[in-house]
């Protein structure tokens, strides 16, 4: 578990988590909750059942 999280942080220093898993709208949920709207390309991965965004 911890290793996966550490790898995501290394690849994506600005990663943040959603309230739940990525689900169908995960990518757009990431974009809409990301503060800097200019960077609208986000990906979402489920890590231990929690959606983790990388923008």
PDB file of N, CA and C in Angstrom:
ATOM      1  N   UNK A   1       0.805  -1.207   0.000  1.00  0.00           N
ATOM      2  CA  UNK A   1       0.000   0.000   0.000  1.00  0.00           C
ATOM      3  C   UNK A   1       0.839   1.259   0.000  1.00  0.00           C
ATOM      4  N   UNK A   2       1.687   1.409   0.993  1.00  0.00           N
ATOM      5  CA  UNK A   2       2.491   2.630   1.108  1.00  0.00           C
ATOM      6  C   UNK A   2       3.395   2.829  -0.100  1.00  0.00           C
ATOM      7  N   UNK A   3       3.920   1.718  -0.626  1.00  0.00           N
ATOM      8  CA  UNK A   3       4.832   1.815  -1.763  1.00  0.00           C
ATOM      9  C   UNK A   3       4.115   2.395  -2.979  1.00  0.00           C
ATOM     10  N   UNK A   4       2.889   1.950  -3.208  1.00  0.00           N
ATOM     11  CA  UNK A   4       2.100   2.451  -4.335  1.00  0.00           C
ATOM     12  C   UNK A   4       1.873   3.948  -4.180  1.00  0.00           C
ATOM     13  N   UNK A   5       1.495   4.366  -2.995  1.00  0.00           N
ATOM     14  CA  UNK A   5       1.257   5.790  -2.739  1.00  0.00           C
ATOM     15  C   UNK A   5       2.523   6.600  -2.955  1.00  0.00           C
ATOM     16  N   UNK A   6       3.646   6.076  -2.500  1.00  0.00           N
ATOM     17  CA  UNK A   6       4.919   6.779  -2.651  1.00  0.00           C
ATOM     18  C   UNK A   6       5.274   6.934  -4.119  1.00  0.00           C
ATOM     19  N   UNK A   7       5.019   5.895  -4.910  1.00  0.00           N
ATOM     20  CA  UNK A   7       5.311   5.951  -6.343  1.00  0.00           C
ATOM     21  C   UNK A   7       4.463   7.004  -7.033  1.00  0.00           C
ATOM     22  N   UNK A   8       3.209   7.092  -6.670  1.00  0.00           N
ATOM     23  CA  UNK A   8       2.322   8.091  -7.266  1.00  0.00           C
ATOM     24  C   UNK A   8       2.824   9.485  -6.927  1.00  0.00           C
ATOM     25  N   UNK A   9       3.242   9.691  -5.674  1.00  0.00           N
ATOM     26  CA  UNK A   9       3.729  11.007  -5.271  1.00  0.00           C
ATOM     27  C   UNK A   9       4.993  11.380  -6.015  1.00  0.00           C
ATOM     28  N   UNK A  10       5.825  10.378  -6.291  1.00  0.00           N
ATOM     29  CA  UNK A  10       7.067  10.646  -7.015  1.00  0.00           C
ATOM     30  C   UNK A  10       6.751  11.086  -8.437  1.00  0.00           C
ATOM     31  N   UNK A  11       5.840  10.352  -9.079  1.00  0.00           N
ATOM     32  CA  UNK A  11       5.476  10.676 -10.459  1.00  0.00           C
ATOM     33  C   UNK A  11       4.621  11.923 -10.522  1.00  0.00           C
ATOM     34  N   UNK A  12       3.850  12.146  -9.474  1.00  0.00           N
ATOM     35  CA  UNK A  12       2.900  13.249  -9.494  1.00  0.00           C
ATOM     36  C   UNK A  12       2.935  13.986  -8.165  1.00  0.00           C
ATOM     37  N   UNK A  13       3.855  14.946  -8.015  1.00  0.00           N
ATOM     38  CA  UNK A  13       3.988  15.650  -6.737  1.00  0.00           C
ATOM     39  C   UNK A  13       2.739  16.411  -6.321  1.00  0.00           C
ATOM     40  N   UNK A  14       1.896  16.781  -7.283  1.00  0.00           N
ATOM     41  CA  UNK A  14       0.692  17.534  -6.945  1.00  0.00           C
ATOM     42  C   UNK A  14      -0.553  16.663  -6.892  1.00  0.00           C
ATOM     43  N   UNK A  15      -0.378  15.382  -6.614  1.00  0.00           N
ATOM     44  CA  UNK A  15      -1.536  14.499  -6.575  1.00  0.00           C
ATOM     45  C   UNK A  15      -2.413  14.839  -5.371  1.00  0.00           C
ATOM     46  N   UNK A  16      -3.710  14.597  -5.523  1.00  0.00           N
ATOM     47  CA  UNK A  16      -4.633  14.791  -4.408  1.00  0.00           C
ATOM     48  C   UNK A  16      -5.735  13.757  -4.531  1.00  0.00           C
ATOM     49  N   UNK A  17      -6.437  13.514  -3.451  1.00  0.00           N
ATOM     50  CA  UNK A  17      -7.438  12.458  -3.459  1.00  0.00           C
ATOM     51  C   UNK A  17      -8.843  13.025  -3.541  1.00  0.00           C
ATOM     52  N   UNK A  18      -9.724  12.237  -4.127  1.00  0.00           N
ATOM     53  CA  UNK A  18     -11.143  12.561  -4.171  1.00  0.00           C
ATOM     54  C   UNK A  18     -11.795  11.977  -2.921  1.00  0.00           C
ATOM     55  N   UNK A  19     -13.076  12.249  -2.751  1.00  0.00           N
ATOM     56  CA  UNK A  19     -13.782  11.716  -1.596  1.00  0.00           C
ATOM     57  C   UNK A  19     -13.997  10.214  -1.666  1.00  0.00           C
ATOM     58  N   UNK A  20     -14.051   9.666  -2.877  1.00  0.00           N
ATOM     59  CA  UNK A  20     -14.271   8.244  -3.052  1.00  0.00           C
ATOM     60  C   UNK A  20     -13.408   7.716  -4.171  1.00  0.00           C
ATOM     61  N   UNK A  21     -13.892   6.662  -4.841  1.00  0.00           N
ATOM     62  CA  UNK A  21     -13.092   6.151  -5.951  1.00  0.00           C
ATOM     63  C   UNK A  21     -13.313   6.991  -7.198  1.00  0.00           C
ATOM     64  N   UNK A  22     -12.515   6.710  -8.232  1.00  0.00           N
ATOM     65  CA  UNK A  22     -12.573   7.527  -9.446  1.00  0.00           C
ATOM     66  C   UNK A  22     -13.939   7.450 -10.113  1.00  0.00           C
ATOM     67  N   UNK A  23     -14.493   6.258 -10.186  1.00  0.00           N
ATOM     68  CA  UNK A  23     -15.798   6.092 -10.800  1.00  0.00           C
ATOM     69  C   UNK A  23     -15.804   6.538 -12.252  1.00  0.00           C
ATOM     70  N   UNK A  24     -16.998   6.751 -12.783  1.00  0.00           N
ATOM     71  CA  UNK A  24     -17.146   7.087 -14.201  1.00  0.00           C
ATOM     72  C   UNK A  24     -16.647   8.501 -14.466  1.00  0.00           C
ATOM     73  N   UNK A  25     -16.903   9.406 -13.529  1.00  0.00           N
ATOM     74  CA  UNK A  25     -16.566  10.812 -13.769  1.00  0.00           C
ATOM     75  C   UNK A  25     -15.255  11.206 -13.105  1.00  0.00           C
ATOM     76  N   UNK A  26     -14.443  10.225 -12.771  1.00  0.00           N
ATOM     77  CA  UNK A  26     -13.214  10.494 -12.030  1.00  0.00           C
ATOM     78  C   UNK A  26     -12.350  11.569 -12.628  1.00  0.00           C
ATOM     79  N   UNK A  27     -12.100  11.445 -13.946  1.00  0.00           N
ATOM     80  CA  UNK A  27     -11.204  12.408 -14.581  1.00  0.00           C
ATOM     81  C   UNK A  27     -11.750  13.823 -14.513  1.00  0.00           C
ATOM     82  N   UNK A  28     -13.036  13.984 -14.788  1.00  0.00           N
ATOM     83  CA  UNK A  28     -13.603  15.332 -14.753  1.00  0.00           C
ATOM     84  C   UNK A  28     -13.759  15.822 -13.316  1.00  0.00           C
ATOM     85  N   UNK A  29     -13.959  14.898 -12.373  1.00  0.00           N
ATOM     86  CA  UNK A  29     -14.004  15.297 -10.963  1.00  0.00           C
ATOM     87  C   UNK A  29     -12.654  15.855 -10.551  1.00  0.00           C
ATOM     88  N   UNK A  30     -11.593  15.231 -11.041  1.00  0.00           N
ATOM     89  CA  UNK A  30     -10.249  15.725 -10.755  1.00  0.00           C
ATOM     90  C   UNK A  30     -10.071  17.121 -11.314  1.00  0.00           C
ATOM     91  N   UNK A  31     -10.472  17.303 -12.563  1.00  0.00           N
ATOM     92  CA  UNK A  31     -10.302  18.594 -13.220  1.00  0.00           C
ATOM     93  C   UNK A  31     -11.077  19.677 -12.477  1.00  0.00           C
ATOM     94  N   UNK A  32     -12.326  19.375 -12.122  1.00  0.00           N
ATOM     95  CA  UNK A  32     -13.153  20.418 -11.511  1.00  0.00           C
ATOM     96  C   UNK A  32     -12.699  20.748 -10.097  1.00  0.00           C
ATOM     97  N   UNK A  33     -12.061  19.796  -9.419  1.00  0.00           N
ATOM     98  CA  UNK A  33     -11.605  20.116  -8.067  1.00  0.00           C
ATOM     99  C   UNK A  33     -10.159  20.596  -8.045  1.00  0.00           C
ATOM    100  N   UNK A  34      -9.543  20.637  -9.224  1.00  0.00           N
ATOM    101  CA  UNK A  34      -8.176  21.138  -9.291  1.00  0.00           C
ATOM    102  C   UNK A  34      -8.212  22.659  -9.346  1.00  0.00           C
ATOM    103  N   UNK A  35      -7.413  23.311  -8.537  1.00  0.00           N
ATOM    104  CA  UNK A  35      -7.508  24.768  -8.401  1.00  0.00           C
ATOM    105  C   UNK A  35      -7.142  25.516  -9.685  1.00  0.00           C
ATOM    106  N   UNK A  36      -6.055  25.114 -10.306  1.00  0.00           N
ATOM    107  CA  UNK A  36      -5.567  25.836 -11.481  1.00  0.00           C
ATOM    108  C   UNK A  36      -6.255  25.314 -12.732  1.00  0.00           C
ATOM    109  N   UNK A  37      -7.298  26.010 -13.159  1.00  0.00           N
ATOM    110  CA  UNK A  37      -8.123  25.526 -14.262  1.00  0.00           C
ATOM    111  C   UNK A  37      -7.358  25.426 -15.582  1.00  0.00           C
ATOM    112  N   UNK A  38      -6.257  26.137 -15.704  1.00  0.00           N
ATOM    113  CA  UNK A  38      -5.514  26.100 -16.963  1.00  0.00           C
ATOM    114  C   UNK A  38      -4.964  24.705 -17.236  1.00  0.00           C
ATOM    115  N   UNK A  39      -4.629  24.001 -16.163  1.00  0.00           N
ATOM    116  CA  UNK A  39      -4.075  22.666 -16.338  1.00  0.00           C
ATOM    117  C   UNK A  39      -5.213  21.660 -16.235  1.00  0.00           C
ATOM    118  N   UNK A  40      -5.896  21.437 -17.343  1.00  0.00           N
ATOM    119  CA  UNK A  40      -7.125  20.653 -17.285  1.00  0.00           C
ATOM    120  C   UNK A  40      -6.904  19.185 -17.615  1.00  0.00           C
ATOM    121  N   UNK A  41      -5.664  18.786 -17.846  1.00  0.00           N
ATOM    122  CA  UNK A  41      -5.413  17.391 -18.160  1.00  0.00           C
ATOM    123  C   UNK A  41      -5.094  16.635 -16.882  1.00  0.00           C
ATOM    124  N   UNK A  42      -6.034  15.818 -16.445  1.00  0.00           N
ATOM    125  CA  UNK A  42      -5.847  15.075 -15.211  1.00  0.00           C
ATOM    126  C   UNK A  42      -6.075  13.594 -15.463  1.00  0.00           C
ATOM    127  N   UNK A  43      -5.463  12.788 -14.634  1.00  0.00           N
ATOM    128  CA  UNK A  43      -5.771  11.370 -14.660  1.00  0.00           C
ATOM    129  C   UNK A  43      -6.209  10.973 -13.260  1.00  0.00           C
ATOM    130  N   UNK A  44      -6.943   9.873 -13.161  1.00  0.00           N
ATOM    131  CA  UNK A  44      -7.436   9.414 -11.876  1.00  0.00           C
ATOM    132  C   UNK A  44      -7.135   7.930 -11.734  1.00  0.00           C
ATOM    133  N   UNK A  45      -6.550   7.561 -10.610  1.00  0.00           N
ATOM    134  CA  UNK A  45      -6.282   6.153 -10.328  1.00  0.00           C
ATOM    135  C   UNK A  45      -6.859   5.803  -8.971  1.00  0.00           C
ATOM    136  N   UNK A  46      -7.409   4.594  -8.866  1.00  0.00           N
ATOM    137  CA  UNK A  46      -7.889   4.132  -7.571  1.00  0.00           C
ATOM    138  C   UNK A  46      -6.745   3.481  -6.816  1.00  0.00           C
ATOM    139  N   UNK A  47      -6.414   4.038  -5.670  1.00  0.00           N
ATOM    140  CA  UNK A  47      -5.391   3.455  -4.820  1.00  0.00           C
ATOM    141  C   UNK A  47      -6.044   3.106  -3.500  1.00  0.00           C
ATOM    142  N   UNK A  48      -6.126   1.816  -3.214  1.00  0.00           N
ATOM    143  CA  UNK A  48      -6.780   1.331  -2.002  1.00  0.00           C
ATOM    144  C   UNK A  48      -8.198   1.879  -1.900  1.00  0.00           C
ATOM    145  N   UNK A  49      -8.902   1.903  -3.033  1.00  0.00           N
ATOM    146  CA  UNK A  49     -10.294   2.314  -3.044  1.00  0.00           C
ATOM    147  C   UNK A  49     -10.525   3.809  -2.995  1.00  0.00           C
ATOM    148  N   UNK A  50      -9.440   4.583  -3.058  1.00  0.00           N
ATOM    149  CA  UNK A  50      -9.583   6.038  -3.036  1.00  0.00           C
ATOM    150  C   UNK A  50      -9.086   6.605  -4.353  1.00  0.00           C
ATOM    151  N   UNK A  51      -9.902   7.427  -4.989  1.00  0.00           N
ATOM    152  CA  UNK A  51      -9.507   8.051  -6.244  1.00  0.00           C
ATOM    153  C   UNK A  51      -8.398   9.054  -6.018  1.00  0.00           C
ATOM    154  N   UNK A  52      -7.287   8.850  -6.701  1.00  0.00           N
ATOM    155  CA  UNK A  52      -6.160   9.762  -6.571  1.00  0.00           C
ATOM    156  C   UNK A  52      -5.937  10.465  -7.898  1.00  0.00           C
ATOM    157  N   UNK A  53      -5.975  11.783  -7.859  1.00  0.00           N
ATOM    158  CA  UNK A  53      -5.875  12.589  -9.067  1.00  0.00           C
ATOM    159  C   UNK A  53      -4.443  13.020  -9.314  1.00  0.00           C
ATOM    160  N   UNK A  54      -4.097  13.082 -10.592  1.00  0.00           N
ATOM    161  CA  UNK A  54      -2.817  13.632 -10.990  1.00  0.00           C
ATOM    162  C   UNK A  54      -3.079  14.635 -12.091  1.00  0.00           C
ATOM    163  N   UNK A  55      -2.739  15.893 -11.843  1.00  0.00           N
ATOM    164  CA  UNK A  55      -2.991  16.936 -12.832  1.00  0.00           C
ATOM    165  C   UNK A  55      -1.683  17.591 -13.257  1.00  0.00           C
TER     166      UNK A  55
END
